[in-house]
N, C-alpha and C. Protein backbone atom coordinates (compact mmCIF):
# COMPACT_ATOMS: atom_id res chain seq x y z
N MET A 1 109.70 70.68 100.62
CA MET A 1 109.65 72.10 100.98
C MET A 1 110.07 72.26 102.43
N SER A 2 110.68 73.42 102.70
CA SER A 2 111.10 73.70 104.06
C SER A 2 109.90 74.14 104.90
N LYS A 3 110.11 74.23 106.19
CA LYS A 3 109.04 74.65 107.09
C LYS A 3 108.57 76.06 106.73
N ILE A 4 109.53 76.95 106.42
CA ILE A 4 109.15 78.33 106.07
C ILE A 4 108.36 78.36 104.77
N ASP A 5 108.71 77.49 103.82
CA ASP A 5 107.95 77.41 102.56
C ASP A 5 106.52 76.97 102.83
N ASN A 6 106.36 75.97 103.68
CA ASN A 6 105.02 75.48 104.02
C ASN A 6 104.20 76.54 104.75
N LEU A 7 104.83 77.23 105.70
CA LEU A 7 104.12 78.28 106.44
C LEU A 7 103.73 79.43 105.52
N THR A 8 104.63 79.78 104.61
CA THR A 8 104.34 80.86 103.66
C THR A 8 103.17 80.47 102.76
N ALA A 9 103.19 79.25 102.26
CA ALA A 9 102.09 78.79 101.40
C ALA A 9 100.77 78.79 102.16
N GLU A 10 100.79 78.34 103.39
CA GLU A 10 99.57 78.32 104.21
C GLU A 10 99.08 79.74 104.48
N LEU A 11 100.00 80.65 104.80
CA LEU A 11 99.63 82.04 105.04
C LEU A 11 99.02 82.67 103.78
N CYS A 12 99.64 82.42 102.64
CA CYS A 12 99.11 82.95 101.37
C CYS A 12 97.70 82.42 101.10
N ASP A 13 97.48 81.15 101.36
CA ASP A 13 96.14 80.58 101.19
C ASP A 13 95.13 81.29 102.08
N GLU A 14 95.50 81.52 103.34
CA GLU A 14 94.60 82.20 104.27
C GLU A 14 94.33 83.64 103.83
N LEU A 15 95.36 84.31 103.32
CA LEU A 15 95.18 85.69 102.85
C LEU A 15 94.27 85.73 101.63
N MET A 16 94.38 84.75 100.74
CA MET A 16 93.50 84.70 99.56
C MET A 16 92.05 84.46 99.99
N ILE A 17 91.85 83.60 100.97
CA ILE A 17 90.50 83.35 101.48
C ILE A 17 89.93 84.63 102.09
N ALA A 18 90.76 85.32 102.89
CA ALA A 18 90.32 86.57 103.52
C ALA A 18 89.99 87.61 102.46
N ALA A 19 90.80 87.69 101.41
CA ALA A 19 90.55 88.66 100.34
C ALA A 19 89.24 88.37 99.63
N SER A 20 88.96 87.09 99.40
CA SER A 20 87.72 86.74 98.72
C SER A 20 86.50 87.04 99.58
N CYS A 21 86.71 87.16 100.89
CA CYS A 21 85.61 87.51 101.81
C CYS A 21 85.55 89.01 102.07
N GLY A 22 86.45 89.76 101.43
CA GLY A 22 86.45 91.22 101.60
C GLY A 22 87.12 91.71 102.87
N LYS A 23 87.92 90.88 103.49
CA LYS A 23 88.58 91.26 104.75
C LYS A 23 89.92 91.95 104.47
N LEU A 24 89.87 93.07 103.74
CA LEU A 24 91.09 93.74 103.31
C LEU A 24 91.86 94.37 104.48
N GLU A 25 91.16 94.93 105.44
CA GLU A 25 91.84 95.50 106.62
C GLU A 25 92.60 94.43 107.37
N HIS A 26 92.01 93.26 107.48
CA HIS A 26 92.67 92.14 108.17
C HIS A 26 93.95 91.75 107.45
N ILE A 27 93.89 91.68 106.14
CA ILE A 27 95.06 91.33 105.35
C ILE A 27 96.16 92.37 105.57
N LYS A 28 95.78 93.64 105.53
CA LYS A 28 96.75 94.71 105.75
C LYS A 28 97.43 94.55 107.10
N SER A 29 96.65 94.30 108.15
CA SER A 29 97.25 94.16 109.49
C SER A 29 98.17 92.97 109.59
N VAL A 30 97.83 91.86 108.95
CA VAL A 30 98.69 90.68 109.00
C VAL A 30 100.02 90.95 108.31
N ILE A 31 99.96 91.56 107.14
CA ILE A 31 101.19 91.86 106.40
C ILE A 31 102.07 92.81 107.20
N LEU A 32 101.48 93.86 107.75
CA LEU A 32 102.26 94.82 108.54
C LEU A 32 102.82 94.18 109.80
N MET A 33 102.05 93.32 110.43
CA MET A 33 102.52 92.66 111.64
C MET A 33 103.75 91.80 111.35
N LEU A 34 103.74 91.08 110.25
CA LEU A 34 104.89 90.26 109.88
C LEU A 34 106.15 91.10 109.67
N ILE A 35 105.99 92.20 108.96
CA ILE A 35 107.15 93.06 108.70
C ILE A 35 107.63 93.72 109.98
N GLU A 36 106.71 94.24 110.79
CA GLU A 36 107.09 94.91 112.03
C GLU A 36 107.72 93.93 113.02
N TYR A 37 107.21 92.73 113.10
CA TYR A 37 107.80 91.72 113.98
C TYR A 37 109.23 91.41 113.54
N SER A 38 109.43 91.27 112.24
CA SER A 38 110.78 91.02 111.73
C SER A 38 111.71 92.17 112.06
N SER A 39 111.20 93.38 111.96
CA SER A 39 111.99 94.57 112.29
C SER A 39 112.41 94.56 113.76
N VAL A 40 111.49 94.24 114.63
CA VAL A 40 111.80 94.17 116.07
C VAL A 40 112.85 93.10 116.34
N GLU A 41 112.70 91.95 115.72
CA GLU A 41 113.67 90.87 115.92
C GLU A 41 115.06 91.26 115.41
N LEU A 42 115.12 91.93 114.28
CA LEU A 42 116.41 92.40 113.78
C LEU A 42 117.04 93.38 114.78
N GLY A 43 116.24 94.27 115.33
CA GLY A 43 116.73 95.21 116.32
C GLY A 43 117.26 94.52 117.56
N ARG A 44 116.58 93.48 117.99
CA ARG A 44 117.03 92.73 119.17
C ARG A 44 118.38 92.06 118.93
N HIS A 45 118.69 91.80 117.67
CA HIS A 45 119.95 91.14 117.32
C HIS A 45 120.98 92.14 116.78
N ASP A 46 120.79 93.40 117.18
CA ASP A 46 121.71 94.48 116.81
C ASP A 46 121.89 94.66 115.31
N ARG A 47 120.88 94.39 114.56
CA ARG A 47 120.88 94.65 113.12
C ARG A 47 120.03 95.89 112.87
N LEU A 48 120.49 97.00 113.46
CA LEU A 48 119.68 98.22 113.51
C LEU A 48 119.40 98.82 112.13
N GLU A 49 120.37 98.78 111.24
CA GLU A 49 120.15 99.34 109.91
C GLU A 49 119.06 98.56 109.17
N ALA A 50 119.14 97.24 109.24
CA ALA A 50 118.12 96.41 108.59
C ALA A 50 116.77 96.59 109.27
N ALA A 51 116.77 96.71 110.60
CA ALA A 51 115.52 96.92 111.34
C ALA A 51 114.87 98.23 110.92
N SER A 52 115.67 99.29 110.80
CA SER A 52 115.14 100.59 110.38
C SER A 52 114.58 100.53 108.97
N ALA A 53 115.29 99.82 108.09
CA ALA A 53 114.82 99.70 106.71
C ALA A 53 113.47 98.98 106.66
N LEU A 54 113.34 97.90 107.41
CA LEU A 54 112.06 97.17 107.44
C LEU A 54 110.95 98.03 108.03
N HIS A 55 111.28 98.80 109.06
CA HIS A 55 110.29 99.68 109.68
C HIS A 55 109.79 100.71 108.65
N ARG A 56 110.71 101.28 107.88
CA ARG A 56 110.32 102.24 106.84
C ARG A 56 109.46 101.57 105.77
N ILE A 57 109.82 100.35 105.40
CA ILE A 57 109.03 99.61 104.41
C ILE A 57 107.61 99.38 104.93
N ALA A 58 107.49 99.01 106.21
CA ALA A 58 106.17 98.78 106.80
C ALA A 58 105.34 100.06 106.75
N LYS A 59 105.96 101.19 107.06
CA LYS A 59 105.22 102.46 107.03
C LYS A 59 104.79 102.80 105.60
N ASP A 60 105.69 102.58 104.63
CA ASP A 60 105.33 102.84 103.22
C ASP A 60 104.17 101.95 102.79
N ILE A 61 104.22 100.69 103.15
CA ILE A 61 103.14 99.76 102.80
C ILE A 61 101.84 100.18 103.48
N GLU A 62 101.93 100.56 104.74
CA GLU A 62 100.74 100.98 105.48
C GLU A 62 100.07 102.16 104.79
N ILE A 63 100.87 103.14 104.40
CA ILE A 63 100.33 104.33 103.73
C ILE A 63 99.73 103.94 102.38
N SER A 64 100.46 103.17 101.61
CA SER A 64 100.01 102.77 100.28
C SER A 64 98.71 101.95 100.35
N LEU A 65 98.68 100.98 101.25
CA LEU A 65 97.47 100.14 101.37
C LEU A 65 96.29 100.94 101.91
N SER A 66 96.54 101.87 102.82
CA SER A 66 95.46 102.69 103.35
C SER A 66 94.83 103.53 102.25
N LEU A 67 95.67 104.09 101.39
CA LEU A 67 95.15 104.89 100.28
C LEU A 67 94.33 104.02 99.33
N ARG A 68 94.81 102.83 99.05
CA ARG A 68 94.09 101.93 98.14
C ARG A 68 92.79 101.43 98.76
N LEU A 69 92.84 101.11 100.06
CA LEU A 69 91.62 100.61 100.71
C LEU A 69 90.56 101.69 100.78
N ASP A 70 90.98 102.96 100.92
CA ASP A 70 90.02 104.06 100.91
C ASP A 70 89.28 104.13 99.58
N LYS A 71 89.98 103.82 98.49
CA LYS A 71 89.36 103.84 97.17
C LYS A 71 88.37 102.69 97.00
N VAL A 72 88.65 101.55 97.66
CA VAL A 72 87.77 100.38 97.56
C VAL A 72 86.48 100.61 98.32
N ASP A 73 86.58 101.26 99.49
CA ASP A 73 85.39 101.48 100.33
C ASP A 73 84.48 102.43 99.66
């Protein structure tokens, strides 16, 4: 497996552990942080269209997860 595959597997394991402990807000922030960081990096490399698309995706996910987390609480 590549380094990214290993990191992804490790991150997924940590997110599953957090979910089993009820740390849903933490999971939401980690997912959004990954997407937003990728968006910023794309912008720094003049990939503005892709950066904007990722930013919109992050906002959609944030809204969707917030609505779902409100139902869980």
